Amino acid sequence: MTLLVITNVPDRAAADKLADALVADGLAACVNILSPCRSVYRWKGDVQHDEEFPLFIKTTRERYAALEQAIRANHPYELPEIIAVPVERGLSAYLDWVAQQTRG
């Protein structure tokens, strides 16, 4: 099963570095680096307002554990957002490509 994994990083350099590592290591077939957004959240008792770059990472359920470990090891945040959403439907040729690109 294909997964869409979402994380956010604080700047474009961190986004490029993480995306390159995940694709190079075969943990992600593709990573979309989105435009910066404004995130509002509570951290250690204070409300934070930060600019972040969202990443949409395409992988498989089989590669998720290794992907999560790689994100945690290479992420600049103490507690990174890592959310995996199952892809229920999609172009079968594209989903097959994701599976081929992430075979361990």
N, C-alpha and C. Protein backbone atom coordinates (compact mmCIF):
# COMPACT_ATOMS: atom_id res chain seq x y z
N MET A 1 0.84 -1.19 0.00
CA MET A 1 0.00 0.00 0.00
C MET A 1 0.87 1.24 0.00
N THR A 2 0.48 2.21 -0.80
CA THR A 2 1.18 3.49 -0.87
C THR A 2 0.75 4.37 0.29
N LEU A 3 1.72 5.12 0.82
CA LEU A 3 1.46 6.08 1.89
C LEU A 3 1.90 7.46 1.44
N LEU A 4 1.18 8.47 1.88
CA LEU A 4 1.58 9.86 1.77
C LEU A 4 2.02 10.29 3.16
N VAL A 5 3.29 10.61 3.31
CA VAL A 5 3.83 11.00 4.61
C VAL A 5 4.09 12.51 4.56
N ILE A 6 3.67 13.18 5.61
CA ILE A 6 3.78 14.64 5.69
C ILE A 6 4.70 15.02 6.84
N THR A 7 5.59 15.93 6.57
CA THR A 7 6.41 16.53 7.61
C THR A 7 6.65 17.98 7.22
N ASN A 8 7.13 18.78 8.15
CA ASN A 8 7.46 20.19 7.92
C ASN A 8 8.86 20.46 8.44
N VAL A 9 9.60 21.31 7.73
CA VAL A 9 10.93 21.71 8.17
C VAL A 9 11.02 23.23 8.17
N PRO A 10 12.02 23.79 8.86
CA PRO A 10 12.04 25.24 9.05
C PRO A 10 12.53 26.06 7.86
N ASP A 11 13.23 25.44 6.90
CA ASP A 11 13.76 26.23 5.78
C ASP A 11 13.97 25.36 4.55
N ARG A 12 14.23 26.03 3.43
CA ARG A 12 14.37 25.33 2.15
C ARG A 12 15.58 24.41 2.14
N ALA A 13 16.67 24.82 2.76
CA ALA A 13 17.87 23.99 2.78
C ALA A 13 17.61 22.67 3.49
N ALA A 14 16.91 22.71 4.61
CA ALA A 14 16.57 21.48 5.34
C ALA A 14 15.62 20.62 4.51
N ALA A 15 14.70 21.25 3.79
CA ALA A 15 13.77 20.51 2.93
C ALA A 15 14.52 19.79 1.82
N ASP A 16 15.42 20.50 1.14
CA ASP A 16 16.21 19.89 0.06
C ASP A 16 17.06 18.74 0.58
N LYS A 17 17.71 18.95 1.70
CA LYS A 17 18.60 17.93 2.27
C LYS A 17 17.82 16.67 2.63
N LEU A 18 16.69 16.83 3.30
CA LEU A 18 15.90 15.68 3.70
C LEU A 18 15.32 14.97 2.49
N ALA A 19 14.77 15.71 1.54
CA ALA A 19 14.20 15.11 0.34
C ALA A 19 15.26 14.32 -0.43
N ASP A 20 16.42 14.91 -0.62
CA ASP A 20 17.50 14.22 -1.35
C ASP A 20 17.89 12.92 -0.66
N ALA A 21 18.02 12.94 0.65
CA ALA A 21 18.42 11.74 1.38
C ALA A 21 17.37 10.64 1.27
N LEU A 22 16.10 11.00 1.40
CA LEU A 22 15.04 9.99 1.36
C LEU A 22 14.93 9.33 -0.01
N VAL A 23 15.05 10.13 -1.07
CA VAL A 23 14.97 9.57 -2.42
C VAL A 23 16.23 8.77 -2.75
N ALA A 24 17.39 9.31 -2.40
CA ALA A 24 18.66 8.62 -2.69
C ALA A 24 18.73 7.26 -2.00
N ASP A 25 18.17 7.16 -0.81
CA ASP A 25 18.21 5.91 -0.05
C ASP A 25 17.07 4.96 -0.40
N GLY A 26 16.22 5.34 -1.35
CA GLY A 26 15.12 4.48 -1.76
C GLY A 26 13.99 4.37 -0.76
N LEU A 27 13.93 5.32 0.16
CA LEU A 27 12.86 5.31 1.16
C LEU A 27 11.63 6.06 0.67
N ALA A 28 11.82 6.92 -0.32
CA ALA A 28 10.73 7.68 -0.92
C ALA A 28 10.89 7.64 -2.43
N ALA A 29 9.78 7.51 -3.13
CA ALA A 29 9.81 7.57 -4.59
C ALA A 29 9.89 9.02 -5.04
N CYS A 30 9.25 9.89 -4.30
CA CYS A 30 9.14 11.30 -4.67
C CYS A 30 8.86 12.11 -3.41
N VAL A 31 9.41 13.30 -3.37
CA VAL A 31 9.12 14.23 -2.28
C VAL A 31 8.75 15.57 -2.91
N ASN A 32 7.58 16.07 -2.60
CA ASN A 32 7.18 17.41 -3.03
C ASN A 32 7.52 18.38 -1.91
N ILE A 33 8.27 19.40 -2.25
CA ILE A 33 8.59 20.47 -1.31
C ILE A 33 7.67 21.62 -1.65
N LEU A 34 6.77 21.92 -0.73
CA LEU A 34 5.77 22.96 -0.98
C LEU A 34 6.29 24.34 -0.60
N SER A 35 5.54 25.34 -1.00
CA SER A 35 5.87 26.72 -0.63
C SER A 35 5.78 26.88 0.88
N PRO A 36 6.48 27.85 1.41
CA PRO A 36 6.42 28.04 2.86
C PRO A 36 4.99 28.38 3.31
N CYS A 37 4.69 27.95 4.50
CA CYS A 37 3.40 28.24 5.11
C CYS A 37 3.64 28.75 6.53
N ARG A 38 2.62 29.29 7.12
CA ARG A 38 2.69 29.79 8.49
C ARG A 38 2.07 28.73 9.39
N SER A 39 2.83 28.27 10.38
CA SER A 39 2.33 27.28 11.34
C SER A 39 2.16 27.94 12.70
N VAL A 40 1.02 27.67 13.32
CA VAL A 40 0.73 28.18 14.67
C VAL A 40 0.50 26.96 15.54
N TYR A 41 1.26 26.84 16.62
CA TYR A 41 1.18 25.65 17.47
C TYR A 41 1.68 25.99 18.87
N ARG A 42 1.33 25.15 19.81
CA ARG A 42 1.81 25.32 21.18
C ARG A 42 3.01 24.40 21.38
N TRP A 43 4.11 24.96 21.88
CA TRP A 43 5.31 24.18 22.15
C TRP A 43 5.90 24.62 23.47
N LYS A 44 6.00 23.66 24.39
CA LYS A 44 6.56 23.91 25.73
C LYS A 44 5.87 25.08 26.41
N GLY A 45 4.53 25.11 26.26
CA GLY A 45 3.72 26.08 26.97
C GLY A 45 3.51 27.41 26.27
N ASP A 46 4.22 27.65 25.17
CA ASP A 46 4.10 28.92 24.46
C ASP A 46 3.50 28.72 23.08
N VAL A 47 2.71 29.68 22.62
CA VAL A 47 2.18 29.64 21.27
C VAL A 47 3.27 30.15 20.33
N GLN A 48 3.57 29.35 19.33
CA GLN A 48 4.61 29.67 18.35
C GLN A 48 3.98 30.05 17.02
N HIS A 49 4.63 30.93 16.29
CA HIS A 49 4.23 31.32 14.93
C HIS A 49 5.50 31.22 14.07
N ASP A 50 5.56 30.20 13.23
CA ASP A 50 6.77 29.97 12.45
C ASP A 50 6.45 29.72 10.98
N GLU A 51 7.40 30.08 10.14
CA GLU A 51 7.31 29.72 8.73
C GLU A 51 7.94 28.34 8.57
N GLU A 52 7.26 27.46 7.83
CA GLU A 52 7.76 26.11 7.61
C GLU A 52 7.53 25.71 6.16
N PHE A 53 8.30 24.73 5.72
CA PHE A 53 8.15 24.15 4.39
C PHE A 53 7.56 22.75 4.54
N PRO A 54 6.33 22.53 4.07
CA PRO A 54 5.74 21.19 4.12
C PRO A 54 6.38 20.28 3.06
N LEU A 55 6.55 19.02 3.41
CA LEU A 55 7.02 18.00 2.49
C LEU A 55 5.95 16.92 2.38
N PHE A 56 5.62 16.55 1.14
CA PHE A 56 4.73 15.42 0.86
C PHE A 56 5.61 14.30 0.32
N ILE A 57 5.69 13.22 1.07
CA ILE A 57 6.61 12.12 0.76
C ILE A 57 5.79 10.90 0.36
N LYS A 58 6.11 10.33 -0.81
CA LYS A 58 5.41 9.13 -1.26
C LYS A 58 6.28 7.91 -1.03
N THR A 59 5.73 6.93 -0.31
CA THR A 59 6.45 5.71 0.02
C THR A 59 5.45 4.57 0.11
N THR A 60 5.90 3.45 0.65
CA THR A 60 5.02 2.30 0.85
C THR A 60 4.96 1.95 2.33
N ARG A 61 3.94 1.20 2.66
CA ARG A 61 3.80 0.74 4.05
C ARG A 61 5.03 -0.05 4.49
N GLU A 62 5.58 -0.84 3.58
CA GLU A 62 6.75 -1.67 3.91
C GLU A 62 7.98 -0.83 4.24
N ARG A 63 8.09 0.33 3.66
CA ARG A 63 9.27 1.19 3.88
C ARG A 63 9.04 2.25 4.96
N TYR A 64 7.82 2.28 5.53
CA TYR A 64 7.49 3.36 6.46
C TYR A 64 8.43 3.40 7.68
N ALA A 65 8.68 2.27 8.32
CA ALA A 65 9.50 2.28 9.54
C ALA A 65 10.89 2.85 9.27
N ALA A 66 11.51 2.44 8.17
CA ALA A 66 12.83 2.96 7.82
C ALA A 66 12.76 4.44 7.45
N LEU A 67 11.69 4.83 6.76
CA LEU A 67 11.49 6.23 6.41
C LEU A 67 11.35 7.08 7.66
N GLU A 68 10.52 6.64 8.58
CA GLU A 68 10.34 7.40 9.83
C GLU A 68 11.66 7.54 10.57
N GLN A 69 12.42 6.47 10.64
CA GLN A 69 13.72 6.51 11.32
C GLN A 69 14.66 7.52 10.63
N ALA A 70 14.66 7.52 9.31
CA ALA A 70 15.52 8.45 8.57
C ALA A 70 15.08 9.90 8.77
N ILE A 71 13.78 10.13 8.79
CA ILE A 71 13.29 11.50 9.03
C ILE A 71 13.74 11.95 10.42
N ARG A 72 13.52 11.10 11.41
CA ARG A 72 13.90 11.48 12.78
C ARG A 72 15.39 11.74 12.91
N ALA A 73 16.21 10.94 12.22
CA ALA A 73 17.66 11.08 12.31
C ALA A 73 18.17 12.34 11.60
N ASN A 74 17.44 12.80 10.58
CA ASN A 74 17.91 13.92 9.77
C ASN A 74 17.09 15.20 9.93
N HIS A 75 16.11 15.18 10.81
CA HIS A 75 15.21 16.32 10.97
C HIS A 75 15.78 17.30 11.99
N PRO A 76 15.68 18.60 11.72
CA PRO A 76 16.23 19.58 12.66
C PRO A 76 15.40 19.79 13.93
N TYR A 77 14.16 19.31 13.96
CA TYR A 77 13.31 19.54 15.13
C TYR A 77 13.49 18.44 16.17
N GLU A 78 13.32 18.83 17.42
CA GLU A 78 13.34 17.87 18.53
C GLU A 78 12.19 16.87 18.39
N LEU A 79 11.03 17.35 18.00
CA LEU A 79 9.84 16.50 17.82
C LEU A 79 9.22 16.81 16.46
N PRO A 80 9.67 16.12 15.41
CA PRO A 80 9.13 16.43 14.09
C PRO A 80 7.72 15.90 13.89
N GLU A 81 6.95 16.64 13.14
CA GLU A 81 5.65 16.14 12.69
C GLU A 81 5.91 15.07 11.64
N ILE A 82 5.39 13.87 11.86
CA ILE A 82 5.45 12.80 10.87
C ILE A 82 4.07 12.15 10.87
N ILE A 83 3.33 12.37 9.79
CA ILE A 83 1.98 11.84 9.67
C ILE A 83 1.91 11.02 8.39
N ALA A 84 1.44 9.79 8.49
CA ALA A 84 1.29 8.92 7.32
C ALA A 84 -0.19 8.70 7.04
N VAL A 85 -0.57 8.94 5.79
CA VAL A 85 -1.95 8.78 5.36
C VAL A 85 -1.97 7.71 4.27
N PRO A 86 -2.79 6.68 4.42
CA PRO A 86 -2.86 5.66 3.37
C PRO A 86 -3.51 6.23 2.11
N VAL A 87 -2.96 5.85 0.97
CA VAL A 87 -3.52 6.25 -0.32
C VAL A 87 -4.50 5.16 -0.73
N GLU A 88 -5.78 5.47 -0.65
CA GLU A 88 -6.82 4.50 -0.95
C GLU A 88 -6.95 4.25 -2.44
N ARG A 89 -6.77 5.29 -3.24
CA ARG A 89 -6.90 5.17 -4.70
C ARG A 89 -5.89 6.07 -5.36
N GLY A 90 -5.58 5.73 -6.61
CA GLY A 90 -4.67 6.54 -7.40
C GLY A 90 -4.44 5.86 -8.72
N LEU A 91 -3.75 6.54 -9.60
CA LEU A 91 -3.41 5.97 -10.89
C LEU A 91 -2.53 4.74 -10.65
N SER A 92 -2.99 3.59 -11.08
CA SER A 92 -2.29 2.34 -10.75
C SER A 92 -0.85 2.34 -11.26
N ALA A 93 -0.60 2.91 -12.43
CA ALA A 93 0.76 2.96 -12.95
C ALA A 93 1.67 3.80 -12.04
N TYR A 94 1.14 4.89 -11.50
CA TYR A 94 1.92 5.73 -10.59
C TYR A 94 2.18 4.99 -9.27
N LEU A 95 1.16 4.35 -8.72
CA LEU A 95 1.34 3.61 -7.47
C LEU A 95 2.32 2.47 -7.65
N ASP A 96 2.31 1.82 -8.81
CA ASP A 96 3.30 0.77 -9.11
C ASP A 96 4.70 1.36 -9.15
N TRP A 97 4.83 2.55 -9.74
CA TRP A 97 6.12 3.22 -9.80
C TRP A 97 6.64 3.53 -8.40
N VAL A 98 5.76 4.01 -7.51
CA VAL A 98 6.17 4.28 -6.13
C VAL A 98 6.72 3.00 -5.50
N ALA A 99 6.01 1.89 -5.69
CA ALA A 99 6.45 0.61 -5.14
C ALA A 99 7.81 0.20 -5.71
N GLN A 100 8.00 0.37 -7.01
CA GLN A 100 9.27 0.00 -7.65
C GLN A 100 10.43 0.84 -7.13
N GLN A 101 10.19 2.12 -6.93
CA GLN A 101 11.25 3.02 -6.49
C GLN A 101 11.65 2.82 -5.04
N THR A 102 10.80 2.21 -4.26
CA THR A 102 11.07 2.08 -2.82
C THR A 102 11.33 0.64 -2.39
N ARG A 103 11.55 -0.23 -3.35
CA ARG A 103 11.88 -1.62 -2.96
C ARG A 103 13.20 -1.62 -2.24
N GLY A 104 13.24 -2.28 -1.09
CA GLY A 104 14.44 -2.27 -0.25
C GLY A 104 15.54 -3.15 -0.73
